[in-house]
Amino acid sequence: MFCIALSLLACVFAIAQQTAQQDNSSKKTDTNTDKKADKKPETTSRPMTDKERKAKEKQLRKELATPYRKWLNEDVGYIITDEERSAFVRLQTDEEREQFIENFWLRRDPSPDTVENEFREEHYRRIAYANEHFASGIPGWRSDRGRIYITYGPPDEIDDHSSGGSYERPPEEGGGETSTYPFQQWRYRYIDGIGTNIIIEFVDPTMSGEFRMTMDPSEKDALLYVPNAGLTMMEQMGMSDKTARFQNTDGTHLAAPMGGLPESMNEFSRLEQFVKLQQAPKIKYADLEAKVDSRIMFDILPMKVRVDFFPITDASVMTYVSVQFDNKELQLKTKEGVAAADIHLLGQFRTISGKIVQNFEEDLEVPGGPVQYRADWAQRKSIGQKSVPLKPGVYKLNVVCKDMVSGFANNYSTTVTVPRLDPDVLSTSTLMLADLLESVPMRNIGTGQFVIGDTKVRPRIGGIFRRDEKLGIYMKMYNFGVDEQTRKPQGEVLYEVVKTGTADPIVSLTEDVSKIPQASGAQVTIQKLLPLEQFLPGSYTLRLKITDKNRNKTLTQSAPFTVT
C-alpha cells in the first residue's frame, strides 16, 4: 500500500506540473496573438509559392530519375551485403544495374529451376506487411520492427505489452513490480548466424506508436526516474539501492539480478546480438555455387566473351561461347617443369522467365611456354570455347571464369537471341573472324574446342589483328536455290573491305557460289584467309553481299576489325 500511495502521489505531482506548463504556454500564446491580430494564422494546406513548386518538381524529377537508388536503399536496404552494395554503386550503365538486380534475386532463389522466385515474393510480402502493421510517424518498412520482420520474417512468439501498465519483472531484471511504457518482446527459436532463442525487445517510450529496438531492458521502465517507485525485490528488502542502477558501466540502468546474470543478459552478448541483427543476413541459397551472381567479381579477372550461332536444323542451333583473356592477367603454376595457367569456366543459359535450360563447364589449360619465351607469352591472348546445342529463342547467358591459381574471377551476363532457320529462306550463320582456320582429322570432326564440322575455327574476339597475320573468314550459308540440272547452288558472294571513314572499298572481289569447295547442296561454307600486310594500321569493315540467283534473294553480313 505504501508503494501504491507513492506511485499515485508521483502521478498527481506530474499532472499538476504539466498543467502549469500548459497554462504558461497559453498565456504566451495569447500575448503573441494580441500583437499579431492583423495576421491570419498559416495552415498546413496553404498554397505553395512558385519557388517551392519548382523545387518540389525538381526533387520529384530527381527521384523518378533514380529508381535504382530506391531499389538499393528501400527495397533491399536490409538484405543487401556490404560487398554487393559496393559493387552496385560502381556500375556505370542501367543495363549493368538490371543484370545486377536479376542476379541479386537469383542468388537467393531457393528453387532456381522454377519460374517463381519464392525469396523475392516473400521479401516484398514482408515489406507490404510491415507498411500495414508497423507504420507510425514513418513508413512501416523504416521502423525497427519493420526492419526485423523484413529481414528475419515473423517471430515464433510475441509477448505483447502494447498498452504498457503494470509489469512483473523476471528475476534476471531484478524481479518486483513496476509500470512500463508500451513494449513488445519478439522471440525467434533460431536465426542463422546469430543463435538460438533470440529475444528482441521493442519499446515505445514516446507513446507515439514507434517501437524502437533496444538492448537495455530497463528502457521500458516508466518509473525508472521516480524515486522509491517500481522497486525490485532486492531494493524492497534493502539489499540494494535504486541509485545503484545509475552507476552501471554497460550503458543500462538495470537493477541487480536475482540468482545471477544469465549469459543472454551479459552486456557483450546483448551488444553482439544488437549489432548482428542490423547486418544483412547470410545468403542461404548458393545453388549456383555463388558464381553466377552479380558484379561482385567486377573486373578482377578481365575477359571478353563472344557468342556465335550455327544452325543445324530448323529446331536446333549449335551455340559457341568463346572467352578470351590477356595472358598477362593469368598466373602460371609449374608442375613437373611445365608451366600453365588453369581457368575454370562455368556457364548457364536461362529463359527470360528464369528457367534453367542448359548448364556447361570447361577446364581451360593455357600452356605457359618455355621460360625464355615467357615475356612474349605475356603479351599474347588465350581463348577457350564451349559449344551448347539450343532451340531457337531468347535466353539470358551467364558466364563465370576463375583463375584457379590466383583465385581471381569475373563474370559476364547478356541476353542472346538464338536464330531460327527457316528452310525456305536464304539465311546465314554468324560471320566469324578467326586467327586460325585449318582442317581437322577425320576422328576429330565435330568434337573439341573451336571445331565446327571438319574445320578448326578459332575466333579472334575483339577483331584485332597484326599486319603479319592473316584474317580468317568463316560463315555458313543456308537454303540456296539449287539448279535442277547441276544440283548446285547458283549465286555469288561479293567481298569488300572498307576503311572506317571512307566509302570506296580497298578490297573487292566476287566469288561464284557453285565453285566454292565447301558448297554442298543448298548449304555453302565460306572459309578464307586474307593476308593483312597490305593494310595500314587502322579500323576496317568486312562486308559480304550474298546473292541467290535461283530465288533472286540477297543478304548482307558485315564485321569490323582492326589492324595494328
Protein backbone atom coordinates (compact mmCIF):
# COMPACT_ATOMS: atom_id res chain seq x y z
CA MET A 1 0.00 0.00 0.00
CA PHE A 2 2.86 2.34 0.78
CA CYS A 3 4.34 1.79 -2.71
CA ILE A 4 0.96 2.36 -4.38
CA ALA A 5 0.45 5.59 -2.45
CA LEU A 6 3.85 6.85 -3.53
CA SER A 7 3.06 5.97 -7.14
CA LEU A 8 -0.26 7.89 -7.03
CA LEU A 9 1.42 10.87 -5.39
CA ALA A 10 4.09 10.94 -8.13
CA CYS A 11 1.45 10.80 -10.86
CA VAL A 12 -0.55 13.68 -9.29
CA PHE A 13 2.60 15.77 -8.99
CA ALA A 14 3.49 15.14 -12.68
CA ILE A 15 -0.05 16.09 -13.85
CA ALA A 16 -0.02 19.30 -11.83
CA GLN A 17 3.34 20.30 -13.23
CA GLN A 18 2.21 19.60 -16.80
CA THR A 19 -0.98 21.69 -16.27
CA ALA A 20 1.09 24.62 -15.03
CA GLN A 21 3.33 24.46 -18.06
CA GLN A 22 0.30 24.40 -20.36
CA ASP A 23 -1.13 27.48 -18.59
CA ASN A 24 2.13 29.40 -19.04
CA SER A 25 2.28 28.35 -22.68
CA SER A 26 -1.33 29.51 -23.21
CA LYS A 27 -0.55 32.92 -21.73
CA LYS A 28 2.42 33.39 -24.03
CA THR A 29 0.32 32.35 -27.00
CA ASP A 30 -2.43 34.83 -26.08
CA THR A 31 0.11 37.66 -25.85
CA ASN A 32 1.58 36.84 -29.26
CA THR A 33 -1.91 36.60 -30.75
CA ASP A 34 -2.76 40.10 -29.48
CA LYS A 35 0.39 41.54 -31.03
CA LYS A 36 -0.29 39.91 -34.40
CA ALA A 37 -4.05 40.17 -34.55
CA ASP A 38 -3.90 41.55 -38.11
CA LYS A 39 -2.13 38.44 -39.44
CA LYS A 40 -4.01 35.31 -40.43
CA PRO A 41 -2.66 32.09 -39.00
CA GLU A 42 -0.95 29.82 -41.52
CA THR A 43 -2.27 26.33 -42.15
CA THR A 44 -0.51 23.26 -43.49
CA SER A 45 -2.58 23.42 -46.65
CA ARG A 46 -1.52 26.92 -47.75
CA PRO A 47 -0.73 27.20 -51.49
CA MET A 48 2.93 26.68 -52.45
CA THR A 49 4.89 29.54 -53.93
CA ASP A 50 6.34 29.23 -57.44
CA LYS A 51 9.77 28.75 -55.95
CA GLU A 52 8.56 25.95 -53.67
CA ARG A 53 6.62 24.34 -56.51
CA LYS A 54 9.67 24.36 -58.81
CA ALA A 55 11.85 22.95 -56.06
CA LYS A 56 9.28 20.23 -55.43
CA GLU A 57 9.08 19.36 -59.13
CA LYS A 58 12.88 19.29 -59.38
CA GLN A 59 13.11 16.96 -56.43
CA LEU A 60 10.40 14.72 -57.89
CA ARG A 61 12.18 14.51 -61.25
CA LYS A 62 15.37 13.65 -59.45
CA GLU A 63 13.68 10.86 -57.52
CA LEU A 64 11.95 9.47 -60.59
CA ALA A 65 15.24 9.51 -62.49
CA THR A 66 16.89 7.23 -59.97
CA PRO A 67 14.69 4.16 -59.43
CA TYR A 68 17.83 2.15 -58.74
CA ARG A 69 18.58 4.31 -55.71
CA LYS A 70 15.14 3.44 -54.33
CA TRP A 71 15.77 -0.25 -55.02
CA LEU A 72 19.13 -0.09 -53.25
CA ASN A 73 18.08 1.94 -50.21
CA GLU A 74 14.47 0.84 -49.74
CA ASP A 75 13.64 -2.43 -51.47
CA VAL A 76 16.76 -4.35 -50.44
CA GLY A 77 18.37 -1.96 -47.96
CA TYR A 78 18.22 -4.51 -45.13
CA ILE A 79 19.26 -7.66 -47.02
CA ILE A 80 21.97 -6.49 -49.41
CA THR A 81 25.50 -7.25 -48.23
CA ASP A 82 28.22 -4.62 -47.98
CA GLU A 83 30.08 -6.36 -50.78
CA GLU A 84 27.05 -6.26 -53.06
CA ARG A 85 26.30 -2.63 -52.23
CA SER A 86 29.87 -1.63 -53.02
CA ALA A 87 29.69 -3.47 -56.34
CA PHE A 88 26.34 -1.91 -57.26
CA VAL A 89 27.46 1.69 -56.75
CA ARG A 90 30.39 1.07 -59.11
CA LEU A 91 28.14 0.11 -62.02
CA GLN A 92 28.00 2.63 -64.85
CA THR A 93 25.01 1.75 -67.03
CA ASP A 94 21.36 0.84 -66.48
CA GLU A 95 21.97 -2.42 -68.33
CA GLU A 96 24.59 -3.42 -65.78
CA ARG A 97 22.24 -2.44 -62.96
CA GLU A 98 19.42 -4.53 -64.42
CA GLN A 99 21.76 -7.50 -64.70
CA PHE A 100 22.88 -6.96 -61.11
CA ILE A 101 19.28 -6.87 -59.83
CA GLU A 102 18.33 -10.00 -61.73
CA ASN A 103 21.35 -11.89 -60.39
CA PHE A 104 20.83 -10.48 -56.89
CA TRP A 105 17.48 -12.28 -56.66
CA LEU A 106 18.86 -15.32 -58.46
CA ARG A 107 21.48 -15.86 -55.75
CA ARG A 108 18.72 -16.04 -53.16
CA ASP A 109 16.23 -18.18 -55.10
CA PRO A 110 15.67 -21.47 -53.22
CA SER A 111 14.46 -23.18 -56.42
CA PRO A 112 16.20 -21.63 -59.45
CA ASP A 113 14.83 -24.31 -61.76
CA THR A 114 11.31 -22.88 -61.44
CA VAL A 115 9.80 -19.71 -62.83
CA GLU A 116 8.88 -18.35 -59.40
CA ASN A 117 11.41 -16.80 -57.06
CA GLU A 118 9.95 -17.58 -53.66
CA PHE A 119 12.51 -15.49 -51.79
CA ARG A 120 11.70 -12.33 -53.74
CA GLU A 121 7.96 -12.84 -53.42
CA GLU A 122 8.24 -13.40 -49.66
CA HIS A 123 10.51 -10.35 -49.29
CA TYR A 124 8.01 -7.99 -50.90
CA ARG A 125 5.17 -9.59 -48.92
CA ARG A 126 7.06 -8.75 -45.73
CA ILE A 127 7.55 -5.14 -46.84
CA ALA A 128 3.82 -4.82 -47.51
CA TYR A 129 3.02 -6.34 -44.10
CA ALA A 130 5.46 -4.02 -42.32
CA ASN A 131 3.94 -0.95 -44.00
CA GLU A 132 0.47 -2.06 -42.97
CA HIS A 133 1.18 -3.00 -39.34
CA PHE A 134 4.21 -1.05 -38.12
CA ALA A 135 3.69 2.45 -39.54
CA SER A 136 3.62 5.35 -37.09
CA GLY A 137 5.11 8.72 -37.99
CA ILE A 138 7.28 6.89 -40.53
CA PRO A 139 6.53 4.12 -43.05
CA GLY A 140 6.41 0.68 -41.52
CA TRP A 141 9.41 -0.62 -43.50
CA ARG A 142 11.60 2.07 -41.91
CA SER A 143 10.67 1.19 -38.33
CA ASP A 144 12.79 -1.12 -36.21
CA ARG A 145 10.05 -3.73 -36.07
CA GLY A 146 9.70 -3.45 -39.84
CA ARG A 147 13.41 -3.99 -40.31
CA ILE A 148 13.49 -7.14 -38.18
CA TYR A 149 10.30 -8.51 -39.76
CA ILE A 150 11.55 -7.89 -43.32
CA THR A 151 14.96 -9.38 -42.57
CA TYR A 152 14.02 -12.41 -40.48
CA GLY A 153 10.31 -12.90 -41.03
CA PRO A 154 7.57 -13.24 -38.39
CA PRO A 155 8.77 -14.20 -34.89
CA ASP A 156 7.88 -17.54 -33.37
CA GLU A 157 6.38 -15.83 -30.30
CA ILE A 158 5.37 -12.29 -29.32
CA ASP A 159 5.00 -11.13 -25.71
CA ASP A 160 2.81 -8.09 -26.31
CA HIS A 161 2.56 -5.21 -23.84
CA SER A 162 1.46 -2.59 -26.35
CA SER A 163 -0.61 -0.80 -23.71
CA GLY A 164 2.15 -0.65 -21.11
CA GLY A 165 0.95 -0.64 -17.50
CA SER A 166 1.78 -3.00 -14.66
CA TYR A 167 4.62 -5.42 -15.27
CA GLU A 168 6.17 -8.13 -13.12
CA ARG A 169 9.90 -8.22 -13.87
CA PRO A 170 11.64 -11.57 -14.44
CA PRO A 171 14.40 -12.49 -11.95
CA GLU A 172 17.21 -11.55 -14.38
CA GLU A 173 15.85 -7.97 -14.37
CA GLY A 174 15.64 -7.89 -10.58
CA GLY A 175 12.05 -9.03 -10.01
CA GLY A 176 9.43 -6.83 -8.41
CA GLU A 177 6.54 -4.93 -9.96
CA THR A 178 6.73 -1.70 -11.97
CA SER A 179 4.84 0.24 -14.63
CA THR A 180 6.11 0.24 -18.19
CA TYR A 181 5.86 2.10 -21.44
CA PRO A 182 4.34 0.10 -24.32
CA PHE A 183 6.75 -2.65 -25.38
CA GLN A 184 6.94 -5.96 -27.21
CA GLN A 185 9.29 -8.91 -26.95
CA TRP A 186 9.81 -10.98 -30.10
CA ARG A 187 11.26 -14.46 -29.75
CA TYR A 188 12.90 -16.41 -32.57
CA ARG A 189 13.80 -20.02 -31.89
CA TYR A 190 16.76 -19.79 -34.30
CA ILE A 191 18.33 -17.18 -36.56
CA ASP A 192 21.13 -18.33 -38.84
CA GLY A 193 24.41 -16.66 -37.93
CA ILE A 194 23.06 -15.26 -34.64
CA GLY A 195 21.97 -18.19 -32.49
CA THR A 196 19.05 -19.87 -30.73
CA ASN A 197 16.32 -18.44 -28.52
CA ILE A 198 16.82 -14.87 -29.75
CA ILE A 199 14.70 -12.35 -27.82
CA ILE A 200 14.37 -8.86 -29.30
CA GLU A 201 12.75 -6.08 -27.30
CA PHE A 202 10.99 -3.04 -28.80
CA VAL A 203 9.98 -0.10 -26.60
CA ASP A 204 7.76 2.93 -27.30
CA PRO A 205 8.90 5.48 -24.66
CA THR A 206 7.30 8.40 -26.55
CA MET A 207 3.84 6.74 -26.62
CA SER A 208 3.68 7.58 -30.35
CA GLY A 209 3.38 4.06 -31.72
CA GLU A 210 7.02 3.95 -32.87
CA PHE A 211 8.64 0.99 -31.14
CA ARG A 212 12.43 1.16 -31.02
CA MET A 213 14.67 -1.88 -30.76
CA THR A 214 16.71 -1.70 -27.57
CA MET A 215 19.45 -3.67 -25.87
CA ASP A 216 18.63 -2.06 -22.50
CA PRO A 217 15.74 -3.94 -20.79
CA SER A 218 15.35 -1.07 -18.29
CA GLU A 219 14.32 1.35 -21.06
CA LYS A 220 10.71 0.18 -20.79
CA ASP A 221 10.52 1.03 -17.07
CA ALA A 222 8.22 4.08 -16.81
CA LEU A 223 9.06 4.54 -13.08
CA LEU A 224 12.83 4.40 -13.57
CA TYR A 225 13.33 8.07 -12.69
CA VAL A 226 10.64 8.21 -9.96
CA PRO A 227 12.31 7.94 -6.54
CA ASN A 228 11.37 4.87 -4.49
CA ALA A 229 8.87 3.71 -7.12
CA GLY A 230 8.93 0.49 -9.10
CA LEU A 231 11.47 -1.09 -6.80
CA THR A 232 12.96 -4.52 -7.43
CA MET A 233 12.68 -7.29 -4.85
CA MET A 234 16.23 -6.72 -3.61
CA GLU A 235 15.58 -2.97 -3.34
CA GLN A 236 12.40 -3.60 -1.36
CA MET A 237 14.32 -5.83 1.05
CA GLY A 238 17.03 -3.20 1.47
CA MET A 239 19.72 -5.39 -0.08
CA SER A 240 20.24 -2.84 -2.86
CA ASP A 241 19.54 0.81 -3.55
CA LYS A 242 17.77 2.16 -6.62
CA THR A 243 20.51 4.75 -7.18
CA ALA A 244 22.90 1.87 -7.88
CA ARG A 245 21.13 1.36 -11.23
CA PHE A 246 22.60 4.66 -12.47
CA GLN A 247 26.15 3.57 -11.70
CA ASN A 248 26.23 0.73 -14.25
CA THR A 249 29.11 0.82 -16.74
CA ASP A 250 27.34 -1.12 -19.51
CA GLY A 251 25.10 1.75 -20.63
CA THR A 252 21.97 0.33 -18.98
CA HIS A 253 20.02 1.13 -15.83
CA LEU A 254 19.32 -2.48 -14.93
CA ALA A 255 18.96 -3.45 -11.31
CA ALA A 256 20.96 -6.27 -9.77
CA PRO A 257 19.54 -9.63 -10.92
CA MET A 258 18.14 -12.27 -8.63
CA GLY A 259 20.02 -15.56 -8.75
CA GLY A 260 22.85 -14.41 -11.04
CA LEU A 261 23.06 -12.95 -14.53
CA PRO A 262 22.32 -15.36 -17.42
CA GLU A 263 24.65 -15.37 -20.44
CA SER A 264 21.99 -13.79 -22.68
CA MET A 265 21.92 -10.72 -20.39
CA ASN A 266 25.68 -10.26 -20.42
CA GLU A 267 26.50 -6.81 -21.80
CA PHE A 268 28.78 -8.20 -24.52
CA SER A 269 26.19 -10.79 -25.57
CA ARG A 270 23.50 -8.12 -25.77
CA LEU A 271 25.77 -5.80 -27.80
CA GLU A 272 26.82 -8.59 -30.15
CA GLN A 273 23.21 -9.60 -30.80
CA PHE A 274 22.18 -5.95 -31.30
CA VAL A 275 24.88 -5.47 -33.96
CA LYS A 276 24.27 -8.77 -35.76
CA LEU A 277 20.54 -8.12 -36.02
CA GLN A 278 21.26 -4.99 -38.06
CA GLN A 279 23.53 -6.73 -40.53
CA ALA A 280 22.40 -8.24 -43.82
CA PRO A 281 21.56 -11.93 -43.39
CA LYS A 282 23.73 -14.57 -44.95
CA ILE A 283 22.78 -15.74 -48.43
CA LYS A 284 21.19 -19.13 -47.89
CA TYR A 285 20.90 -20.46 -51.41
CA ALA A 286 24.23 -20.80 -53.21
CA ASP A 287 22.88 -23.32 -55.70
CA LEU A 288 24.89 -21.75 -58.49
CA GLU A 289 28.00 -22.05 -56.34
CA ALA A 290 27.68 -18.28 -55.79
CA LYS A 291 29.41 -17.81 -59.15
CA VAL A 292 26.59 -16.84 -61.46
CA ASP A 293 25.95 -13.83 -59.28
CA SER A 294 26.05 -10.06 -59.51
CA ARG A 295 29.04 -7.91 -60.35
CA ILE A 296 30.79 -8.77 -57.12
CA MET A 297 33.78 -10.04 -59.10
CA PHE A 298 33.72 -6.88 -61.20
CA ASP A 299 36.88 -6.65 -63.39
CA ILE A 300 39.01 -8.80 -61.07
CA LEU A 301 39.86 -11.11 -63.99
CA PRO A 302 39.33 -9.14 -67.24
CA MET A 303 37.84 -11.21 -70.04
CA LYS A 304 35.91 -10.88 -73.28
CA VAL A 305 33.03 -13.11 -74.36
CA ARG A 306 31.67 -13.83 -77.83
CA VAL A 307 28.64 -15.91 -78.82
CA ASP A 308 28.25 -17.42 -82.33
CA PHE A 309 25.33 -19.33 -83.85
CA PHE A 310 25.47 -22.09 -86.46
CA PRO A 311 22.05 -23.66 -87.18
CA ILE A 312 21.93 -27.43 -87.53
CA THR A 313 18.22 -27.87 -88.27
CA ASP A 314 15.21 -25.59 -88.08
CA ALA A 315 14.81 -26.67 -84.41
CA SER A 316 18.42 -26.84 -83.23
CA VAL A 317 21.26 -24.32 -83.27
CA MET A 318 24.82 -25.04 -82.17
CA THR A 319 25.82 -22.09 -79.97
CA TYR A 320 29.53 -21.43 -79.42
CA VAL A 321 30.52 -19.45 -76.31
CA SER A 322 34.12 -18.19 -76.57
CA VAL A 323 36.04 -16.50 -73.75
CA GLN A 324 39.29 -14.59 -74.28
CA PHE A 325 41.92 -13.48 -71.73
CA ASP A 326 45.07 -11.38 -71.81
CA ASN A 327 47.87 -13.72 -70.77
CA LYS A 328 49.38 -11.02 -68.57
CA GLU A 329 46.28 -11.28 -66.34
CA LEU A 330 46.79 -15.02 -65.76
CA GLN A 331 49.02 -16.67 -63.18
CA LEU A 332 51.10 -19.72 -64.01
CA LYS A 333 51.72 -22.83 -61.96
CA THR A 334 54.62 -25.18 -62.60
CA LYS A 335 54.19 -28.93 -62.43
CA GLU A 336 56.97 -31.33 -63.38
CA GLY A 337 58.84 -28.49 -65.04
CA VAL A 338 55.87 -27.42 -67.20
CA ALA A 339 54.17 -24.07 -66.57
CA ALA A 340 50.50 -23.48 -67.36
CA ALA A 341 47.55 -21.36 -66.33
CA ASP A 342 44.35 -23.12 -65.18
CA ILE A 343 40.99 -21.45 -65.87
CA HIS A 344 37.63 -22.89 -64.82
CA LEU A 345 34.69 -21.82 -66.98
CA LEU A 346 31.12 -22.11 -65.70
CA GLY A 347 28.10 -21.01 -67.73
CA GLN A 348 24.36 -21.15 -67.82
CA PHE A 349 21.56 -20.42 -70.27
CA ARG A 350 18.18 -19.44 -68.84
CA THR A 351 14.89 -18.49 -70.37
CA ILE A 352 13.76 -14.91 -69.83
CA SER A 353 11.35 -16.22 -67.19
CA GLY A 354 14.30 -17.65 -65.27
CA LYS A 355 14.10 -21.39 -66.02
CA ILE A 356 17.47 -23.10 -66.46
CA VAL A 357 17.87 -24.51 -69.96
CA GLN A 358 21.50 -25.55 -70.10
CA ASN A 359 24.48 -25.59 -67.74
CA PHE A 360 28.02 -26.02 -69.03
CA GLU A 361 31.52 -26.21 -67.56
CA GLU A 362 35.01 -26.42 -69.01
CA ASP A 363 38.55 -26.51 -67.62
CA LEU A 364 40.88 -24.45 -69.80
CA GLU A 365 44.60 -25.11 -69.54
CA VAL A 366 46.74 -22.36 -71.06
CA PRO A 367 50.35 -23.52 -71.70
CA GLY A 368 52.93 -21.06 -70.41
CA GLY A 369 55.62 -21.96 -72.93
CA PRO A 370 59.36 -22.17 -72.35
CA VAL A 371 60.87 -19.79 -69.81
CA GLN A 372 62.95 -17.99 -72.44
CA TYR A 373 59.78 -17.01 -74.31
CA ARG A 374 57.71 -16.17 -71.24
CA ALA A 375 57.84 -12.38 -71.87
CA ASP A 376 56.39 -12.87 -75.35
CA TRP A 377 53.73 -15.19 -73.90
CA ALA A 378 52.57 -12.44 -71.53
CA GLN A 379 51.90 -10.15 -74.49
CA ARG A 380 49.57 -12.65 -76.18
CA LYS A 381 45.96 -13.67 -75.64
CA SER A 382 44.39 -17.02 -74.80
CA ILE A 383 40.92 -18.24 -75.66
CA GLY A 384 38.62 -21.06 -74.63
CA GLN A 385 35.30 -22.23 -76.02
CA LYS A 386 32.27 -24.35 -75.18
CA SER A 387 29.59 -25.47 -77.65
CA VAL A 388 25.99 -25.83 -76.49
CA PRO A 389 23.01 -27.01 -78.62
CA LEU A 390 19.94 -24.80 -78.10
CA LYS A 391 16.49 -24.37 -79.51
CA PRO A 392 15.75 -21.05 -81.23
CA GLY A 393 14.61 -18.39 -78.77
CA VAL A 394 15.72 -15.63 -76.40
CA TYR A 395 17.95 -16.54 -73.44
CA LYS A 396 19.91 -14.99 -70.62
CA LEU A 397 23.53 -16.11 -70.66
CA ASN A 398 25.74 -16.01 -67.56
CA VAL A 399 29.42 -16.91 -67.81
CA VAL A 400 31.84 -17.06 -64.88
CA CYS A 401 35.58 -17.69 -65.20
CA LYS A 402 38.03 -18.27 -62.37
CA ASP A 403 41.81 -18.40 -62.40
CA MET A 404 42.38 -21.48 -60.24
CA VAL A 405 45.94 -20.41 -59.42
CA SER A 406 45.32 -16.82 -58.25
CA GLY A 407 41.67 -17.30 -57.25
CA PHE A 408 40.66 -14.22 -59.25
CA ALA A 409 37.34 -14.43 -61.07
CA ASN A 410 34.88 -12.42 -63.12
CA ASN A 411 31.52 -12.88 -64.76
CA TYR A 412 29.62 -11.85 -67.85
CA SER A 413 25.89 -11.61 -68.41
CA THR A 414 23.94 -10.80 -71.55
CA THR A 415 20.77 -11.56 -73.48
CA VAL A 416 21.19 -13.69 -76.62
CA THR A 417 18.72 -14.42 -79.40
CA VAL A 418 19.27 -17.84 -80.95
CA PRO A 419 18.05 -17.51 -84.57
CA ARG A 420 15.53 -19.83 -86.20
CA LEU A 421 16.47 -21.43 -89.51
CA ASP A 422 13.61 -21.10 -91.99
CA PRO A 423 14.06 -23.95 -94.50
CA ASP A 424 12.56 -21.85 -97.32
CA VAL A 425 14.52 -18.62 -96.76
CA LEU A 426 18.14 -17.77 -97.61
CA SER A 427 19.97 -17.26 -94.32
CA THR A 428 23.43 -17.33 -92.78
CA SER A 429 25.24 -18.24 -89.59
CA THR A 430 27.32 -15.75 -87.64
CA LEU A 431 30.15 -14.17 -89.64
CA MET A 432 33.21 -15.23 -87.66
CA LEU A 433 36.60 -13.53 -87.94
CA ALA A 434 39.28 -16.02 -86.94
CA ASP A 435 43.03 -16.17 -86.43
CA LEU A 436 43.13 -19.91 -87.17
CA LEU A 437 41.42 -21.90 -89.94
CA GLU A 438 42.53 -25.48 -90.53
CA SER A 439 41.06 -28.87 -91.36
CA VAL A 440 40.85 -31.46 -88.61
CA PRO A 441 41.49 -35.23 -88.86
CA MET A 442 38.55 -37.48 -89.58
CA ARG A 443 38.44 -38.76 -85.99
CA ASN A 444 38.12 -35.17 -84.61
CA ILE A 445 35.31 -33.95 -86.86
CA GLY A 446 32.65 -32.21 -84.79
CA THR A 447 34.48 -32.60 -81.47
CA GLY A 448 36.81 -30.45 -79.39
CA GLN A 449 37.21 -26.73 -78.84
CA PHE A 450 36.82 -24.48 -81.90
CA VAL A 451 35.82 -27.36 -84.17
CA ILE A 452 32.88 -26.62 -86.47
CA GLY A 453 32.21 -29.59 -88.71
CA ASP A 454 35.55 -30.59 -90.24
CA THR A 455 37.29 -27.25 -89.61
CA LYS A 456 39.02 -25.76 -86.60
CA VAL A 457 37.90 -22.13 -86.37
CA ARG A 458 39.44 -20.08 -83.57
CA PRO A 459 37.69 -16.70 -83.33
CA ARG A 460 39.60 -13.50 -82.58
CA ILE A 461 37.38 -11.76 -80.04
CA GLY A 462 37.58 -8.02 -80.50
CA GLY A 463 38.77 -8.42 -84.09
CA ILE A 464 42.29 -7.00 -83.53
CA PHE A 465 44.96 -8.41 -85.89
CA ARG A 466 48.59 -7.63 -86.59
CA ARG A 467 49.80 -6.86 -90.12
CA ASP A 468 51.87 -10.05 -90.14
CA GLU A 469 48.75 -12.16 -89.52
CA LYS A 470 46.00 -13.43 -91.78
CA LEU A 471 42.33 -12.58 -91.29
CA GLY A 472 40.28 -15.76 -91.25
CA ILE A 473 36.73 -15.50 -92.66
CA TYR A 474 34.26 -18.26 -91.77
CA MET A 475 30.49 -18.38 -92.32
CA LYS A 476 27.82 -20.84 -93.39
CA MET A 477 25.00 -20.00 -95.79
CA TYR A 478 21.76 -21.99 -95.89
CA ASN A 479 18.88 -22.65 -98.27
CA PHE A 480 20.37 -21.59 -101.60
CA GLY A 481 18.19 -22.38 -104.57
CA VAL A 482 19.68 -25.46 -106.33
CA ASP A 483 19.91 -25.73 -110.11
CA GLU A 484 17.81 -28.70 -111.25
CA GLN A 485 20.40 -29.94 -113.76
CA THR A 486 23.71 -29.42 -111.90
CA ARG A 487 22.21 -29.86 -108.41
CA LYS A 488 24.44 -26.99 -107.30
CA PRO A 489 23.56 -23.62 -105.81
CA GLN A 490 23.56 -20.69 -108.19
CA GLY A 491 24.76 -17.36 -106.83
CA GLU A 492 27.71 -15.23 -105.85
CA VAL A 493 29.41 -13.69 -102.85
CA LEU A 494 30.85 -10.17 -103.04
CA TYR A 495 33.68 -9.48 -100.58
CA GLU A 496 34.56 -5.88 -99.75
CA VAL A 497 36.89 -4.31 -97.19
CA VAL A 498 36.28 -0.64 -96.39
CA LYS A 499 38.46 1.55 -94.20
CA THR A 500 36.50 3.36 -91.49
CA GLY A 501 35.62 6.89 -92.56
CA THR A 502 35.85 6.15 -96.30
CA ALA A 503 33.36 4.89 -98.88
CA ASP A 504 35.49 3.19 -101.54
CA PRO A 505 36.47 -0.47 -100.92
CA ILE A 506 40.15 -1.27 -100.51
CA VAL A 507 39.47 -4.90 -101.47
CA SER A 508 36.63 -6.02 -103.71
CA LEU A 509 36.23 -9.46 -105.24
CA THR A 510 33.40 -11.73 -106.31
CA GLU A 511 33.20 -15.50 -105.96
CA ASP A 512 30.87 -17.91 -107.72
CA VAL A 513 28.99 -19.90 -105.10
CA SER A 514 28.88 -23.06 -107.24
CA LYS A 515 32.69 -23.14 -107.32
CA ILE A 516 33.21 -22.85 -103.57
CA PRO A 517 34.77 -26.17 -102.42
CA GLN A 518 32.67 -26.26 -99.27
CA ALA A 519 29.35 -25.99 -101.21
CA SER A 520 27.09 -28.97 -100.53
CA GLY A 521 23.61 -28.88 -101.96
CA ALA A 522 21.70 -25.92 -100.51
CA GLN A 523 24.39 -25.25 -97.88
CA VAL A 524 27.59 -23.33 -98.60
CA THR A 525 30.54 -22.70 -96.27
CA ILE A 526 32.82 -19.69 -96.71
CA GLN A 527 36.33 -20.38 -95.47
CA LYS A 528 39.04 -17.90 -96.48
CA LEU A 529 42.29 -16.35 -95.24
CA LEU A 530 43.02 -12.73 -96.13
CA PRO A 531 46.67 -11.54 -95.75
CA LEU A 532 46.89 -8.22 -93.93
CA GLU A 533 50.37 -6.94 -94.82
CA GLN A 534 48.84 -4.65 -97.45
CA PHE A 535 46.65 -2.91 -94.82
CA LEU A 536 47.85 0.16 -92.96
CA PRO A 537 47.12 0.25 -89.22
CA GLY A 538 43.54 1.37 -88.61
CA SER A 539 39.91 0.27 -88.40
CA TYR A 540 38.15 -1.58 -91.21
CA THR A 541 34.88 -3.31 -92.03
CA LEU A 542 34.49 -6.57 -93.91
CA ARG A 543 31.25 -6.64 -95.93
CA LEU A 544 29.71 -9.66 -97.62
CA LYS A 545 26.85 -9.50 -100.09
CA ILE A 546 25.30 -12.91 -100.84
CA THR A 547 23.07 -13.30 -103.90
CA ASP A 548 20.88 -16.34 -104.64
CA LYS A 549 20.30 -16.18 -108.39
CA ASN A 550 17.75 -19.00 -108.49
CA ARG A 551 15.44 -17.31 -105.96
CA ASN A 552 16.56 -13.75 -106.66
CA LYS A 553 17.34 -13.15 -102.98
CA THR A 554 20.12 -11.07 -101.43
CA LEU A 555 21.62 -10.99 -97.93
CA THR A 556 24.38 -8.91 -96.39
CA GLN A 557 26.72 -9.55 -93.47
CA SER A 558 29.50 -7.41 -92.01
CA ALA A 559 32.08 -7.44 -89.25
CA PRO A 560 34.55 -4.76 -88.05
CA PHE A 561 38.23 -5.47 -87.46
CA THR A 562 41.36 -3.55 -86.59
CA VAL A 563 44.90 -3.85 -87.96
CA THR A 564 47.81 -2.93 -85.66
